Amino acid sequence: DVPNHGFRVGMKLEAVDLMEPRLICVATVTRIIHRLLRIHFDGWEEEYDQWVDCESPDLYPVGWCQLTGYQLQPPASQCKLVYRKGVLL
């Protein structure tokens, strides 16, 4: 049975990284198949995407970390220091 879960492709979330469960990351729903959601961790390669059930306790609405005081991991691209021709970008 498929619940009326309200998730949409492109929806932003805060999601637990199941490979590093202490981390909650900025994420996007990229695909939906019945109860399953494909979660993409923003700034990471697709190989790190995870499939989770729509009722997973590892999915949170945007703003949950701020509300609870838990540290939200920013998108990976925002964590990297990039130097080009000796200049920090």
N, C-alpha and C. Protein backbone atom coordinates (compact mmCIF):
# COMPACT_ATOMS: atom_id res chain seq x y z
N ASP A 1 0.84 -1.19 0.00
CA ASP A 1 0.00 0.00 0.00
C ASP A 1 0.88 1.25 0.00
N VAL A 2 0.61 2.19 -0.87
CA VAL A 2 1.40 3.40 -0.99
C VAL A 2 0.70 4.53 -0.24
N PRO A 3 1.36 5.05 0.82
CA PRO A 3 0.73 6.15 1.56
C PRO A 3 0.79 7.44 0.77
N ASN A 4 -0.11 8.36 1.09
CA ASN A 4 -0.06 9.69 0.49
C ASN A 4 0.98 10.48 1.28
N HIS A 5 2.25 10.23 0.98
CA HIS A 5 3.34 10.76 1.80
C HIS A 5 3.67 12.22 1.55
N GLY A 6 3.30 12.77 0.41
CA GLY A 6 3.53 14.19 0.15
C GLY A 6 4.92 14.55 -0.35
N PHE A 7 5.81 13.56 -0.48
CA PHE A 7 7.13 13.85 -1.03
C PHE A 7 7.03 14.10 -2.53
N ARG A 8 7.90 14.98 -3.04
CA ARG A 8 7.95 15.30 -4.47
C ARG A 8 9.40 15.29 -4.93
N VAL A 9 9.61 14.95 -6.19
CA VAL A 9 10.96 15.05 -6.76
C VAL A 9 11.38 16.51 -6.71
N GLY A 10 12.58 16.74 -6.25
CA GLY A 10 13.12 18.09 -6.11
C GLY A 10 12.97 18.67 -4.71
N MET A 11 12.20 17.99 -3.85
CA MET A 11 11.98 18.47 -2.49
C MET A 11 13.28 18.40 -1.69
N LYS A 12 13.57 19.47 -0.95
CA LYS A 12 14.74 19.52 -0.08
C LYS A 12 14.39 18.93 1.28
N LEU A 13 15.38 18.27 1.89
CA LEU A 13 15.23 17.63 3.19
C LEU A 13 16.51 17.77 3.98
N GLU A 14 16.43 17.38 5.23
CA GLU A 14 17.61 17.12 6.04
C GLU A 14 17.56 15.62 6.31
N ALA A 15 18.61 14.90 5.91
CA ALA A 15 18.57 13.44 5.96
C ALA A 15 19.80 12.86 6.63
N VAL A 16 19.59 11.78 7.38
CA VAL A 16 20.70 11.06 8.00
C VAL A 16 21.47 10.33 6.91
N ASP A 17 22.79 10.45 6.95
CA ASP A 17 23.66 9.68 6.06
C ASP A 17 23.78 8.28 6.67
N LEU A 18 23.17 7.30 6.05
CA LEU A 18 23.14 5.95 6.61
C LEU A 18 24.52 5.31 6.70
N MET A 19 25.50 5.84 5.95
CA MET A 19 26.88 5.35 6.04
C MET A 19 27.61 5.99 7.23
N GLU A 20 27.16 7.17 7.64
CA GLU A 20 27.70 7.91 8.79
C GLU A 20 26.51 8.42 9.60
N PRO A 21 25.85 7.57 10.37
CA PRO A 21 24.58 7.92 11.01
C PRO A 21 24.60 9.12 11.96
N ARG A 22 25.78 9.57 12.35
CA ARG A 22 25.84 10.75 13.23
C ARG A 22 25.66 12.04 12.42
N LEU A 23 25.72 11.94 11.09
CA LEU A 23 25.63 13.12 10.23
C LEU A 23 24.22 13.30 9.67
N ILE A 24 23.73 14.51 9.76
CA ILE A 24 22.49 14.89 9.08
C ILE A 24 22.88 15.91 8.02
N CYS A 25 22.50 15.64 6.78
CA CYS A 25 22.99 16.41 5.64
C CYS A 25 21.85 17.06 4.84
N VAL A 26 22.21 18.11 4.12
CA VAL A 26 21.30 18.73 3.16
C VAL A 26 21.10 17.73 2.03
N ALA A 27 19.84 17.47 1.67
CA ALA A 27 19.55 16.44 0.68
C ALA A 27 18.35 16.83 -0.18
N THR A 28 18.21 16.11 -1.30
CA THR A 28 17.12 16.34 -2.24
C THR A 28 16.51 15.00 -2.65
N VAL A 29 15.18 14.95 -2.74
CA VAL A 29 14.50 13.77 -3.27
C VAL A 29 14.67 13.79 -4.79
N THR A 30 15.27 12.75 -5.36
CA THR A 30 15.52 12.73 -6.81
C THR A 30 14.65 11.73 -7.56
N ARG A 31 14.05 10.77 -6.83
CA ARG A 31 13.20 9.78 -7.50
C ARG A 31 12.27 9.18 -6.46
N ILE A 32 11.08 8.81 -6.90
CA ILE A 32 10.10 8.20 -6.02
C ILE A 32 9.52 6.98 -6.72
N ILE A 33 9.57 5.83 -6.04
CA ILE A 33 8.95 4.61 -6.53
C ILE A 33 8.10 4.06 -5.38
N HIS A 34 6.81 4.29 -5.48
CA HIS A 34 5.86 3.88 -4.44
C HIS A 34 6.28 4.44 -3.08
N ARG A 35 6.71 3.59 -2.17
CA ARG A 35 7.11 4.01 -0.82
C ARG A 35 8.57 4.45 -0.75
N LEU A 36 9.35 4.13 -1.78
CA LEU A 36 10.79 4.38 -1.73
C LEU A 36 11.15 5.74 -2.31
N LEU A 37 12.06 6.42 -1.60
CA LEU A 37 12.56 7.72 -2.04
C LEU A 37 14.06 7.58 -2.28
N ARG A 38 14.51 8.10 -3.41
CA ARG A 38 15.95 8.17 -3.63
C ARG A 38 16.41 9.52 -3.12
N ILE A 39 17.32 9.49 -2.16
CA ILE A 39 17.81 10.70 -1.52
C ILE A 39 19.21 10.99 -2.03
N HIS A 40 19.38 12.20 -2.57
CA HIS A 40 20.69 12.66 -3.04
C HIS A 40 21.25 13.65 -2.03
N PHE A 41 22.46 13.41 -1.58
CA PHE A 41 23.12 14.31 -0.66
C PHE A 41 23.79 15.42 -1.47
N ASP A 42 23.27 16.62 -1.31
CA ASP A 42 23.69 17.76 -2.13
C ASP A 42 25.21 17.96 -2.06
N GLY A 43 25.82 18.12 -3.24
CA GLY A 43 27.25 18.33 -3.33
C GLY A 43 28.06 17.05 -3.46
N TRP A 44 27.42 15.90 -3.35
CA TRP A 44 28.10 14.61 -3.46
C TRP A 44 27.74 13.94 -4.78
N GLU A 45 28.56 12.99 -5.18
CA GLU A 45 28.30 12.22 -6.40
C GLU A 45 27.07 11.34 -6.21
N GLU A 46 26.42 10.98 -7.32
CA GLU A 46 25.23 10.12 -7.26
C GLU A 46 25.50 8.76 -6.63
N GLU A 47 26.73 8.30 -6.67
CA GLU A 47 27.04 6.99 -6.09
C GLU A 47 26.77 6.94 -4.59
N TYR A 48 26.63 8.10 -3.96
CA TYR A 48 26.34 8.16 -2.52
C TYR A 48 24.85 8.29 -2.22
N ASP A 49 24.02 8.35 -3.26
CA ASP A 49 22.57 8.42 -3.06
C ASP A 49 22.10 7.19 -2.28
N GLN A 50 21.01 7.36 -1.55
CA GLN A 50 20.47 6.27 -0.76
C GLN A 50 18.96 6.15 -0.99
N TRP A 51 18.47 4.93 -0.98
CA TRP A 51 17.04 4.66 -1.06
C TRP A 51 16.51 4.48 0.35
N VAL A 52 15.44 5.18 0.69
CA VAL A 52 14.84 5.04 2.02
C VAL A 52 13.33 4.98 1.90
N ASP A 53 12.70 4.36 2.88
CA ASP A 53 11.25 4.29 2.92
C ASP A 53 10.69 5.67 3.26
N CYS A 54 9.52 5.99 2.73
CA CYS A 54 8.91 7.30 2.95
C CYS A 54 8.58 7.57 4.41
N GLU A 55 8.51 6.52 5.23
CA GLU A 55 8.23 6.70 6.65
C GLU A 55 9.48 6.53 7.51
N SER A 56 10.64 6.64 6.89
CA SER A 56 11.90 6.49 7.61
C SER A 56 12.05 7.57 8.68
N PRO A 57 12.54 7.18 9.86
CA PRO A 57 12.81 8.18 10.90
C PRO A 57 14.09 8.97 10.63
N ASP A 58 14.75 8.68 9.50
CA ASP A 58 16.00 9.36 9.15
C ASP A 58 15.80 10.55 8.21
N LEU A 59 14.56 10.95 7.98
CA LEU A 59 14.25 12.10 7.13
C LEU A 59 13.61 13.19 7.97
N TYR A 60 14.08 14.42 7.76
CA TYR A 60 13.57 15.56 8.53
C TYR A 60 13.25 16.71 7.60
N PRO A 61 12.30 17.55 7.99
CA PRO A 61 12.00 18.73 7.17
C PRO A 61 13.13 19.76 7.28
N VAL A 62 13.24 20.59 6.26
CA VAL A 62 14.22 21.68 6.29
C VAL A 62 13.97 22.53 7.53
N GLY A 63 15.04 22.80 8.27
CA GLY A 63 14.93 23.60 9.48
C GLY A 63 14.94 22.80 10.76
N TRP A 64 14.84 21.46 10.64
CA TRP A 64 14.81 20.61 11.83
C TRP A 64 16.08 20.74 12.66
N CYS A 65 17.23 20.73 12.00
CA CYS A 65 18.50 20.83 12.74
C CYS A 65 18.60 22.16 13.48
N GLN A 66 18.21 23.23 12.83
CA GLN A 66 18.25 24.53 13.48
C GLN A 66 17.31 24.56 14.69
N LEU A 67 16.14 24.00 14.54
CA LEU A 67 15.15 23.98 15.61
C LEU A 67 15.64 23.18 16.83
N THR A 68 16.32 22.07 16.56
CA THR A 68 16.75 21.18 17.64
C THR A 68 18.17 21.42 18.13
N GLY A 69 18.92 22.25 17.40
CA GLY A 69 20.31 22.52 17.78
C GLY A 69 21.30 21.46 17.31
N TYR A 70 20.85 20.57 16.41
CA TYR A 70 21.75 19.54 15.87
C TYR A 70 22.53 20.13 14.71
N GLN A 71 23.80 19.76 14.56
CA GLN A 71 24.63 20.33 13.50
C GLN A 71 24.25 19.74 12.13
N LEU A 72 23.87 20.61 11.21
CA LEU A 72 23.54 20.21 9.84
C LEU A 72 24.81 20.28 9.00
N GLN A 73 25.09 19.20 8.27
CA GLN A 73 26.24 19.18 7.37
C GLN A 73 25.88 19.90 6.08
N PRO A 74 26.63 20.93 5.70
CA PRO A 74 26.32 21.65 4.46
C PRO A 74 26.65 20.78 3.25
N PRO A 75 26.16 21.17 2.06
CA PRO A 75 26.53 20.42 0.85
C PRO A 75 28.04 20.30 0.73
N ALA A 76 28.51 19.18 0.23
CA ALA A 76 29.94 18.90 0.15
C ALA A 76 30.70 19.99 -0.58
N SER A 77 30.13 20.57 -1.61
CA SER A 77 30.85 21.59 -2.39
C SER A 77 31.13 22.83 -1.54
N GLN A 78 30.33 23.07 -0.50
CA GLN A 78 30.54 24.21 0.38
C GLN A 78 31.60 23.92 1.43
N CYS A 79 31.98 22.66 1.57
CA CYS A 79 32.98 22.28 2.56
C CYS A 79 34.40 22.30 2.00
N LYS A 80 34.52 22.29 0.68
CA LYS A 80 35.82 22.17 0.06
C LYS A 80 36.43 23.55 -0.16
N LEU A 81 37.72 23.68 0.16
CA LEU A 81 38.43 24.90 -0.16
C LEU A 81 39.06 24.71 -1.53
N VAL A 82 38.80 25.61 -2.44
CA VAL A 82 39.28 25.48 -3.80
C VAL A 82 40.26 26.61 -4.10
N TYR A 83 41.46 26.23 -4.51
CA TYR A 83 42.44 27.22 -4.90
C TYR A 83 42.60 27.18 -6.41
N ARG A 84 42.58 28.33 -7.03
CA ARG A 84 42.81 28.42 -8.46
C ARG A 84 43.79 29.56 -8.69
N LYS A 85 44.94 29.23 -9.25
CA LYS A 85 46.00 30.21 -9.49
C LYS A 85 46.38 30.93 -8.20
N GLY A 86 46.45 30.15 -7.09
CA GLY A 86 46.87 30.70 -5.82
C GLY A 86 45.84 31.52 -5.08
N VAL A 87 44.61 31.55 -5.55
CA VAL A 87 43.56 32.34 -4.93
C VAL A 87 42.50 31.41 -4.33
N LEU A 88 42.13 31.67 -3.09
CA LEU A 88 41.06 30.88 -2.46
C LEU A 88 39.73 31.34 -3.03
N LEU A 89 38.98 30.38 -3.58
CA LEU A 89 37.68 30.71 -4.17
C LEU A 89 36.56 30.39 -3.21
